[in-house]
Amino acid sequence: MYLSVFDIFKVGIGPSSSHTMGPMVAAARFLDLLRNSPFHPHGVKASLHGSLAFTGVGHATDRAVILGLDGFTPEAYDAEAAEAALARIRREARVAPEGLKPLAFDPARDLHFDYDRPLPGHANGMILSATDAQGDVILSETYYSIGGGFVRTEAELAEGEPATQPAASVPYPFRSAAEMLEMAARAGLSVAAMKHANERTLRSAAEIEKGLGTIWAVMSDCIDRGLTTDGTLPGGLNIRRRAHGIQEALRAERGLNLTPPHTINDWMSVYAMAVNEENAAGGQVVTAPTNGAAGVVPATIRYWLDHVPGAHSGQVGEFLLTAAAIGSIIKRNASISGAECGCQAEVGSASAMAAAGLAAVLGGTPEQVENAAEIALEHHLGMTCDPVKGLVQVPCIERNGLGAIKAVSAASLSLRGTGEHFVPLDACIETMRQTGADMNERYKETALGGLAVNVPNC
């Protein structure tokens, strides 16, 4: 199975890739199913299960499903049009997707949060159904949002994760870090060069360059919006945006010779916080590899470009290709889903990807790149996903800042060595998978444990 760099990095909307983007994608797939079916549905219904039920409102899952059934998609999302559509749907009790007759759908009646019946395939499960005029179900499909905006039907999940492209059709089909290092040594290529060669089986070099440029442009714009926007985040916690104020204070301190060296950590954090404040507000972000961890990779890139001598934007593609290679290995062999393995799978994976990318652009060997990813992931093992009030705000926003700091530290440590180290990245990934399997469900994006129940949330 081959996962493209553009599978790992996707443009979407906040606040969650698994709880917002995934359900919207699932709804779009269900509409396609209806368009190609012999049935003539009168209405549609949706039920959310597991983590999608427990944190669905905080993660805007309800909005995502409603809009998805009306024909909205993450990549073409228009916030103003979405608000108008929501008002129309609630007023008229119907959705009007392109290519289908208007379908009866009253969100208050036809969108059900099922807290008592988790689905067996994944913690993020949902069932979409079409009904006739009598209200009887004539077509139904079960979808699982498995993290990072990836969606699988029940049958697809049972068959094993489908490939974007068969692994045998790419020149470097590494499925593990060990295979990645072996192929790099045999070919005399960097991780990014191998990933680029694989991408060339899907698209031209010009298309790859343009696509990577778009990914970084969206990431960078997101940072800039977050750094210039004040206000209070939605959801009821009354969390004030802090990135703008922190950046202004950091700028004011420049040149005063009073700033301690560790202040550089504040720059890394503020870049990440800017992204995740945008994500929490429902803005446009890039899954990296998820929305909840969307700030780590762009913050590390911005830190490198703005604060490291010799850095230049021409190497951003190398950074992203390297990071995507690591993210693909983690996703294939463990998880990037907080509902499946806790926050270690989201911020931990993002930090490993960012550390690998930074090590690469700083001149690291494939062995040092692998070591950087291992260090970053190792020191996120066991991290729970416990969003207060089910919102992707506390502790998620600050965790991205610390994930970026750990990524930079991990890359720096790896470059101080030869790449030889005691714990292989593959062992660390397997440990993360096992830890996630052992983790109590309360700590896996249900908002039923940890900080979610130990601090005031309203």
Protein backbone atom coordinates (compact mmCIF):
# COMPACT_ATOMS: atom_id res chain seq x y z
CA MET A 1 0.00 0.00 0.00
CA TYR A 2 1.31 3.42 -0.88
CA LEU A 3 0.31 6.63 0.86
CA SER A 4 1.11 9.77 -1.08
CA VAL A 5 2.47 12.94 0.48
CA PHE A 6 -0.87 14.44 -0.56
CA ASP A 7 -2.71 11.79 1.44
CA ILE A 8 -0.78 12.72 4.58
CA PHE A 9 -1.04 16.49 3.97
CA LYS A 10 -4.55 17.52 2.92
CA VAL A 11 -6.17 20.94 2.91
CA GLY A 12 -9.28 20.94 5.07
CA ILE A 13 -11.21 22.70 7.79
CA GLY A 14 -11.08 22.70 11.58
CA PRO A 15 -11.46 21.74 14.24
CA SER A 16 -10.82 18.01 13.64
CA SER A 17 -9.70 15.87 10.73
CA SER A 18 -11.35 12.76 12.16
CA HIS A 19 -14.46 14.41 13.62
CA THR A 20 -15.07 17.23 11.10
CA MET A 21 -13.35 16.46 7.82
CA GLY A 22 -13.92 12.69 7.97
CA PRO A 23 -17.70 12.85 8.55
CA MET A 24 -18.05 15.46 5.81
CA VAL A 25 -16.11 13.19 3.44
CA ALA A 26 -18.28 10.24 4.48
CA ALA A 27 -21.43 12.24 3.71
CA ALA A 28 -20.05 13.10 0.28
CA ARG A 29 -19.37 9.42 -0.38
CA PHE A 30 -22.90 8.54 0.69
CA LEU A 31 -24.33 11.11 -1.71
CA ASP A 32 -22.32 9.51 -4.52
CA LEU A 33 -23.76 6.16 -3.46
CA LEU A 34 -27.27 7.60 -3.73
CA ARG A 35 -26.57 9.17 -7.11
CA ASN A 36 -25.48 5.80 -8.47
CA SER A 37 -28.22 3.70 -6.86
CA PRO A 38 -31.53 2.60 -8.41
CA PHE A 39 -33.44 3.93 -5.40
CA HIS A 40 -35.30 7.23 -5.24
CA PRO A 41 -34.87 8.31 -1.62
CA HIS A 42 -37.23 10.68 0.12
CA GLY A 43 -34.97 11.51 3.07
CA VAL A 44 -31.69 10.80 4.87
CA LYS A 45 -30.70 10.05 8.45
CA ALA A 46 -27.39 9.87 10.33
CA SER A 47 -26.26 8.32 13.61
CA LEU A 48 -22.93 9.01 15.29
CA HIS A 49 -21.26 6.42 17.50
CA GLY A 50 -18.31 6.10 19.88
CA SER A 51 -16.01 9.09 19.96
CA LEU A 52 -18.00 10.81 17.21
CA ALA A 53 -20.94 10.86 19.63
CA PHE A 54 -19.07 11.77 22.81
CA THR A 55 -17.11 14.71 21.38
CA GLY A 56 -19.15 15.34 18.25
CA VAL A 57 -20.64 18.68 19.25
CA GLY A 58 -17.30 20.08 20.46
CA HIS A 59 -15.62 18.88 17.29
CA ALA A 60 -18.44 20.23 15.04
CA THR A 61 -19.28 16.73 13.80
CA ASP A 62 -22.97 17.61 13.67
CA ARG A 63 -22.27 20.63 11.44
CA ALA A 64 -19.96 18.56 9.25
CA VAL A 65 -22.57 15.86 8.66
CA ILE A 66 -25.35 18.35 7.97
CA LEU A 67 -23.21 20.32 5.51
CA GLY A 68 -21.76 17.17 3.97
CA LEU A 69 -25.24 15.85 3.22
CA ASP A 70 -25.97 19.20 1.55
CA GLY A 71 -22.97 18.74 -0.75
CA PHE A 72 -20.17 20.62 1.04
CA THR A 73 -16.64 19.17 0.93
CA PRO A 74 -13.58 20.09 3.04
CA GLU A 75 -11.39 21.14 0.15
CA ALA A 76 -14.00 23.53 -1.29
CA TYR A 77 -15.44 24.74 2.02
CA ASP A 78 -16.86 28.28 2.08
CA ALA A 79 -17.63 29.49 5.61
CA GLU A 80 -20.18 32.15 4.57
CA ALA A 81 -22.04 29.75 2.28
CA ALA A 82 -21.99 27.11 5.02
CA GLU A 83 -23.71 29.39 7.53
CA ALA A 84 -26.40 30.24 5.00
CA ALA A 85 -26.90 26.55 4.20
CA LEU A 86 -27.21 25.59 7.88
CA ALA A 87 -29.89 28.23 8.39
CA ARG A 88 -31.76 27.04 5.29
CA ILE A 89 -31.58 23.37 6.29
CA ARG A 90 -32.88 24.03 9.80
CA ARG A 91 -35.65 26.23 8.40
CA GLU A 92 -36.76 23.91 5.60
CA ALA A 93 -35.83 20.53 7.19
CA ARG A 94 -34.22 19.29 4.01
CA VAL A 95 -30.88 19.14 2.24
CA ALA A 96 -30.39 19.88 -1.45
CA PRO A 97 -27.22 18.20 -2.74
CA GLU A 98 -26.32 18.61 -6.40
CA GLY A 99 -27.47 15.77 -8.63
CA LEU A 100 -30.25 14.63 -6.29
CA LYS A 101 -33.75 15.80 -5.52
CA PRO A 102 -34.08 17.64 -2.18
CA LEU A 103 -34.03 15.13 0.68
CA ALA A 104 -35.97 15.42 3.91
CA PHE A 105 -33.55 15.98 6.77
CA ASP A 106 -34.37 17.65 10.06
CA PRO A 107 -31.15 17.84 12.10
CA ALA A 108 -33.08 17.82 15.39
CA ARG A 109 -34.83 14.59 14.43
CA ASP A 110 -32.63 12.84 11.87
CA LEU A 111 -29.16 13.33 13.36
CA HIS A 112 -28.71 11.01 16.34
CA PHE A 113 -25.86 10.88 18.85
CA ASP A 114 -25.72 7.24 19.98
CA TYR A 115 -23.68 7.22 23.19
CA ASP A 116 -24.52 3.62 24.11
CA ARG A 117 -23.72 1.64 20.98
CA PRO A 118 -20.13 1.90 19.72
CA LEU A 119 -19.50 0.31 16.33
CA PRO A 120 -16.99 -2.55 16.17
CA GLY A 121 -14.64 -1.33 13.44
CA HIS A 122 -13.24 1.88 14.96
CA ALA A 123 -13.96 4.38 17.71
CA ASN A 124 -15.13 6.92 15.12
CA GLY A 125 -18.15 5.24 13.55
CA MET A 126 -21.23 6.60 11.80
CA ILE A 127 -24.19 5.18 9.91
CA LEU A 128 -25.83 7.08 7.05
CA SER A 129 -29.20 5.91 5.75
CA ALA A 130 -31.63 6.81 3.00
CA THR A 131 -35.38 6.44 3.63
CA ASP A 132 -38.51 6.24 1.55
CA ALA A 133 -41.62 8.39 2.01
CA GLN A 134 -42.80 6.10 4.82
CA GLY A 135 -39.54 6.56 6.72
CA ASP A 136 -38.30 3.03 6.05
CA VAL A 137 -34.58 2.57 5.36
CA ILE A 138 -33.92 1.64 1.73
CA LEU A 139 -30.13 2.08 1.69
CA SER A 140 -27.57 2.28 4.50
CA GLU A 141 -23.80 2.43 4.82
CA THR A 142 -21.47 2.35 7.81
CA TYR A 143 -18.42 4.63 7.69
CA TYR A 144 -15.39 4.92 9.92
CA SER A 145 -13.33 8.09 10.18
CA ILE A 146 -9.93 6.61 10.98
CA GLY A 147 -7.90 9.79 11.47
CA GLY A 148 -6.33 12.43 9.27
CA GLY A 149 -9.48 12.79 7.18
CA PHE A 150 -9.26 9.19 5.96
CA VAL A 151 -12.62 7.40 5.70
CA ARG A 152 -13.36 3.70 5.24
CA THR A 153 -16.63 1.84 4.81
CA GLU A 154 -17.29 -1.19 6.98
CA ALA A 155 -16.39 -3.49 4.07
CA GLU A 156 -13.19 -1.59 3.26
CA LEU A 157 -12.08 -1.73 6.87
CA ALA A 158 -12.72 -5.49 7.00
CA GLU A 159 -10.72 -6.05 3.82
CA GLY A 160 -7.75 -4.06 5.08
CA GLU A 161 -6.88 -0.47 4.30
CA PRO A 162 -7.16 0.11 0.55
CA ALA A 163 -4.15 1.52 -1.20
CA THR A 164 -3.93 4.73 -3.13
CA GLN A 165 -1.58 2.72 -5.31
CA PRO A 166 -0.21 -0.83 -4.90
CA ALA A 167 3.16 -0.81 -3.15
CA ALA A 168 4.73 -2.94 -5.90
CA SER A 169 4.15 -0.17 -8.46
CA VAL A 170 6.43 2.35 -6.74
CA PRO A 171 10.22 2.06 -6.93
CA TYR A 172 10.77 2.29 -3.16
CA PRO A 173 7.88 0.46 -1.47
CA PHE A 174 9.15 0.68 2.11
CA ARG A 175 6.57 -0.28 4.72
CA SER A 176 8.79 0.20 7.77
CA ALA A 177 11.65 2.39 8.89
CA ALA A 178 14.04 -0.57 8.60
CA GLU A 179 13.05 -1.07 4.97
CA MET A 180 13.35 2.67 4.37
CA LEU A 181 16.93 2.70 5.65
CA GLU A 182 17.86 -0.44 3.73
CA MET A 183 16.51 0.96 0.46
CA ALA A 184 18.19 4.33 1.07
CA ALA A 185 21.55 2.65 1.64
CA ARG A 186 21.19 0.42 -1.43
CA ALA A 187 20.09 3.27 -3.70
CA GLY A 188 22.31 5.96 -2.21
CA LEU A 189 19.30 8.26 -1.90
CA SER A 190 17.78 10.44 0.81
CA VAL A 191 14.37 9.68 2.29
CA ALA A 192 12.91 12.66 0.41
CA ALA A 193 14.44 11.52 -2.89
CA MET A 194 12.89 8.06 -2.53
CA LYS A 195 9.51 9.58 -1.62
CA HIS A 196 9.75 11.89 -4.62
CA ALA A 197 10.53 8.96 -6.92
CA ASN A 198 7.45 7.18 -5.60
CA GLU A 199 5.32 10.26 -6.16
CA ARG A 200 6.52 10.41 -9.77
CA THR A 201 4.54 7.24 -10.48
CA LEU A 202 1.39 9.24 -9.70
CA ARG A 203 2.08 12.71 -11.10
CA SER A 204 4.68 14.80 -12.92
CA ALA A 205 7.56 16.56 -11.22
CA ALA A 206 5.88 19.89 -11.94
CA GLU A 207 2.64 18.69 -10.33
CA ILE A 208 4.53 17.50 -7.25
CA GLU A 209 6.33 20.83 -6.91
CA LYS A 210 3.11 22.77 -7.34
CA GLY A 211 1.24 20.57 -4.88
CA LEU A 212 3.93 20.86 -2.22
CA GLY A 213 4.02 24.61 -2.77
CA THR A 214 0.27 24.78 -2.22
CA ILE A 215 0.51 22.74 0.98
CA TRP A 216 3.15 25.05 2.43
CA ALA A 217 1.30 28.17 1.27
CA VAL A 218 -1.85 27.07 3.11
CA MET A 219 0.21 26.19 6.20
CA SER A 220 2.04 29.52 6.14
CA ASP A 221 -1.14 31.53 5.55
CA CYS A 222 -2.74 29.74 8.49
CA ILE A 223 0.16 30.75 10.74
CA ASP A 224 -0.12 34.36 9.56
CA ARG A 225 -3.88 34.49 10.15
CA GLY A 226 -3.46 33.05 13.62
CA LEU A 227 -0.74 35.55 14.46
CA THR A 228 -2.88 38.52 13.49
CA THR A 229 -6.26 37.50 14.92
CA ASP A 230 -7.53 38.30 18.40
CA GLY A 231 -10.74 37.28 20.10
CA THR A 232 -12.32 34.36 21.91
CA LEU A 233 -12.51 30.86 20.51
CA PRO A 234 -16.00 29.37 20.00
CA GLY A 235 -17.40 26.52 22.05
CA GLY A 236 -18.13 27.91 25.50
CA LEU A 237 -14.78 27.64 27.29
CA ASN A 238 -14.14 31.34 26.60
CA ILE A 239 -10.52 30.63 25.69
CA ARG A 240 -8.87 33.76 24.38
CA ARG A 241 -6.56 33.58 21.42
CA ARG A 242 -2.99 34.17 22.61
CA ALA A 243 -0.77 33.83 19.54
CA HIS A 244 -1.18 37.43 18.40
CA GLY A 245 -0.32 38.90 21.81
CA ILE A 246 2.64 36.59 22.35
CA GLN A 247 4.08 37.45 18.95
CA GLU A 248 3.71 41.19 19.61
CA ALA A 249 5.54 40.80 22.93
CA LEU A 250 8.33 38.77 21.31
CA ARG A 251 8.75 41.38 18.59
CA ALA A 252 8.91 44.18 21.17
CA GLU A 253 11.70 42.37 23.04
CA ARG A 254 13.94 42.07 19.99
CA GLY A 255 17.13 44.10 20.21
CA LEU A 256 16.79 44.84 23.91
CA ASN A 257 19.56 42.40 24.90
CA LEU A 258 17.30 41.28 27.73
CA THR A 259 15.82 38.19 26.10
CA PRO A 260 17.10 34.85 27.45
CA PRO A 261 18.12 32.21 24.91
CA HIS A 262 15.21 29.92 25.78
CA THR A 263 12.81 32.53 24.36
CA ILE A 264 13.31 30.80 21.00
CA ASN A 265 10.97 28.14 22.40
CA ASP A 266 8.26 30.79 22.59
CA TRP A 267 8.62 31.46 18.86
CA MET A 268 8.21 27.75 18.09
CA SER A 269 5.18 27.59 20.35
CA VAL A 270 3.50 30.72 19.01
CA TYR A 271 3.71 29.50 15.41
CA ALA A 272 2.04 26.22 16.41
CA MET A 273 -0.53 27.94 18.62
CA ALA A 274 -1.45 30.28 15.77
CA VAL A 275 -2.34 27.29 13.58
CA ASN A 276 -4.29 25.48 16.26
CA GLU A 277 -6.22 28.58 17.27
CA GLU A 278 -7.26 28.86 13.63
CA ASN A 279 -8.18 25.18 13.66
CA ALA A 280 -10.22 25.57 16.86
CA ALA A 281 -12.11 28.43 15.19
CA GLY A 282 -13.01 26.23 12.22
CA GLY A 283 -10.51 27.81 9.83
CA GLN A 284 -8.63 26.32 6.90
CA VAL A 285 -5.71 24.12 7.95
CA VAL A 286 -3.62 21.26 6.57
CA THR A 287 -3.83 17.85 8.17
CA ALA A 288 -0.30 17.20 9.39
CA PRO A 289 -1.12 14.38 9.86
CA THR A 290 -4.37 15.44 11.62
CA ASN A 291 -6.11 18.71 12.41
CA GLY A 292 -5.62 18.32 16.16
CA ALA A 293 -1.87 18.16 15.50
CA ALA A 294 -1.86 20.54 12.54
CA GLY A 295 0.45 23.11 14.13
CA VAL A 296 3.59 21.04 14.76
CA VAL A 297 4.94 20.61 11.22
CA PRO A 298 4.25 24.17 9.97
CA ALA A 299 5.62 25.65 13.20
CA THR A 300 8.84 23.69 12.80
CA ILE A 301 9.17 24.78 9.17
CA ARG A 302 8.53 28.44 10.05
CA TYR A 303 11.05 28.23 12.90
CA TRP A 304 13.63 26.81 10.50
CA LEU A 305 12.97 29.39 7.77
CA ASP A 306 12.86 32.43 10.06
CA HIS A 307 15.43 31.58 12.72
CA VAL A 308 18.01 29.13 11.34
CA PRO A 309 20.88 30.61 9.29
CA GLY A 310 21.11 29.19 5.78
CA ALA A 311 17.50 28.00 5.59
CA HIS A 312 15.67 28.70 2.34
CA SER A 313 12.20 27.99 1.06
CA GLY A 314 13.49 25.86 -1.81
CA GLN A 315 13.97 23.01 0.66
CA VAL A 316 10.41 23.03 2.05
CA GLY A 317 9.47 20.29 -0.39
CA GLU A 318 12.28 18.10 0.95
CA PHE A 319 10.99 18.72 4.48
CA LEU A 320 7.42 17.77 3.57
CA LEU A 321 8.40 14.66 1.59
CA THR A 322 10.55 13.40 4.45
CA ALA A 323 7.84 14.12 7.02
CA ALA A 324 5.25 12.36 4.86
CA ALA A 325 7.44 9.27 4.59
CA ILE A 326 7.57 9.00 8.38
CA GLY A 327 3.85 9.75 8.74
CA SER A 328 3.02 7.01 6.25
CA ILE A 329 5.02 4.43 8.20
CA ILE A 330 3.34 5.42 11.47
CA LYS A 331 -0.14 5.34 9.96
CA ARG A 332 0.44 1.98 8.29
CA ASN A 333 1.89 0.25 11.35
CA ALA A 334 0.07 1.99 14.22
CA SER A 335 -2.34 4.94 14.02
CA ILE A 336 -2.62 8.70 13.68
CA SER A 337 -6.05 8.71 15.34
CA GLY A 338 -6.55 10.17 18.82
CA ALA A 339 -9.76 8.16 19.16
CA GLU A 340 -7.78 4.99 18.52
CA CYS A 341 -4.45 5.55 20.30
CA GLY A 342 -4.69 8.84 22.21
CA CYS A 343 -2.76 12.03 21.59
CA GLN A 344 0.50 10.11 21.19
CA ALA A 345 -0.90 9.15 17.77
CA GLU A 346 -1.61 12.76 16.83
CA VAL A 347 0.88 15.20 18.36
CA GLY A 348 3.40 12.37 18.82
CA SER A 349 3.22 11.42 15.16
CA ALA A 350 3.34 15.07 14.08
CA SER A 351 6.40 15.70 16.22
CA ALA A 352 8.16 12.66 14.75
CA MET A 353 7.35 13.85 11.23
CA ALA A 354 8.56 17.38 11.96
CA ALA A 355 11.77 16.13 13.59
CA ALA A 356 12.53 13.96 10.56
CA GLY A 357 11.84 16.80 8.14
CA LEU A 358 14.03 19.22 10.06
CA ALA A 359 16.88 16.73 10.35
CA ALA A 360 16.71 16.21 6.59
CA VAL A 361 16.91 19.88 5.60
CA LEU A 362 19.72 20.41 8.11
CA GLY A 363 21.78 17.85 6.21
CA GLY A 364 21.03 14.71 8.19
CA THR A 365 21.62 11.23 6.79
CA PRO A 366 18.70 8.80 6.50
CA GLU A 367 19.91 7.21 9.73
CA GLN A 368 19.84 10.56 11.52
CA VAL A 369 16.40 11.30 10.07
CA GLU A 370 15.08 8.00 11.42
CA ASN A 371 16.73 8.69 14.78
CA ALA A 372 15.14 12.15 14.98
CA ALA A 373 11.69 10.71 14.37
CA GLU A 374 12.24 8.01 16.99
CA ILE A 375 13.38 10.48 19.67
CA ALA A 376 10.36 12.72 19.10
CA LEU A 377 7.83 9.89 19.10
CA GLU A 378 9.39 8.09 22.05
CA HIS A 379 8.87 11.10 24.28
CA HIS A 380 5.18 11.32 23.49
CA LEU A 381 4.42 7.68 24.29
CA GLY A 382 1.40 7.30 26.57
CA MET A 383 0.00 10.78 25.95
CA THR A 384 -3.76 10.70 26.32
CA CYS A 385 -6.40 12.56 24.32
CA ASP A 386 -8.58 14.35 26.89
CA PRO A 387 -10.04 17.50 25.30
CA VAL A 388 -11.93 19.63 27.79
CA LYS A 389 -15.60 19.84 26.80
CA GLY A 390 -14.72 17.85 23.69
CA LEU A 391 -13.19 20.95 22.10
CA VAL A 392 -9.87 20.94 20.25
CA GLN A 393 -8.57 23.72 22.51
CA VAL A 394 -7.43 22.60 25.96
CA PRO A 395 -4.87 21.04 26.12
CA CYS A 396 -4.56 20.62 22.34
CA ILE A 397 -3.33 24.10 21.36
CA GLU A 398 -0.40 24.21 23.76
CA ARG A 399 0.44 20.56 23.09
CA ASN A 400 1.20 21.50 19.50
CA GLY A 401 3.67 24.11 20.72
CA LEU A 402 5.46 21.59 22.90
CA GLY A 403 5.35 19.07 20.05
CA ALA A 404 7.25 21.54 17.86
CA ILE A 405 9.81 22.19 20.59
CA LYS A 406 10.36 18.44 21.01
CA ALA A 407 10.71 18.05 17.25
CA VAL A 408 13.47 20.65 17.07
CA SER A 409 15.23 19.14 20.08
CA ALA A 410 14.97 15.65 18.63
CA ALA A 411 16.40 16.75 15.28
CA SER A 412 19.25 18.57 17.00
CA LEU A 413 20.10 15.56 19.17
CA SER A 414 20.07 13.21 16.21
CA LEU A 415 22.46 15.44 14.28
CA ARG A 416 24.88 15.32 17.23
CA GLY A 417 25.24 11.58 16.65
CA THR A 418 25.97 9.22 13.79
CA GLY A 419 22.42 7.88 13.50
CA GLU A 420 23.21 4.82 15.60
CA HIS A 421 20.82 4.48 18.53
CA PHE A 422 19.35 1.91 20.87
CA VAL A 423 15.59 1.98 20.11
CA PRO A 424 14.62 1.60 16.43
CA LEU A 425 11.80 3.78 15.14
CA ASP A 426 9.83 0.65 14.21
CA ALA A 427 9.97 -0.55 17.82
CA CYS A 428 8.79 2.84 19.02
CA ILE A 429 5.87 2.79 16.56
CA GLU A 430 4.87 -0.71 17.66
CA THR A 431 5.06 0.42 21.29
CA MET A 432 2.75 3.31 20.49
CA ARG A 433 0.30 0.90 18.87
CA GLN A 434 0.35 -1.44 21.87
CA THR A 435 0.04 1.45 24.31
CA GLY A 436 -2.98 2.72 22.41
CA ALA A 437 -4.59 -0.71 22.47
CA ASP A 438 -4.08 -0.93 26.25
CA MET A 439 -5.25 2.64 26.94
CA ASN A 440 -8.59 3.04 28.70
CA GLU A 441 -11.26 4.37 26.36
CA ARG A 442 -11.79 7.36 28.66
CA TYR A 443 -8.44 8.70 27.48
CA LYS A 444 -9.02 8.32 23.75
CA GLU A 445 -10.92 11.41 22.53
CA THR A 446 -14.11 10.74 24.47
CA ALA A 447 -13.73 13.68 26.90
CA LEU A 448 -14.60 11.22 29.69
CA GLY A 449 -11.26 11.25 31.51
CA GLY A 450 -8.13 13.23 32.31
CA LEU A 451 -8.26 17.01 32.04
CA ALA A 452 -11.70 16.76 30.48
CA VAL A 453 -13.21 15.82 33.86
CA ASN A 454 -10.78 17.46 36.26
CA VAL A 455 -11.10 21.13 35.29
CA PRO A 456 -14.20 23.33 35.01
CA ASN A 457 -15.48 23.07 31.45
CA CYS A 458 -18.27 25.58 31.23
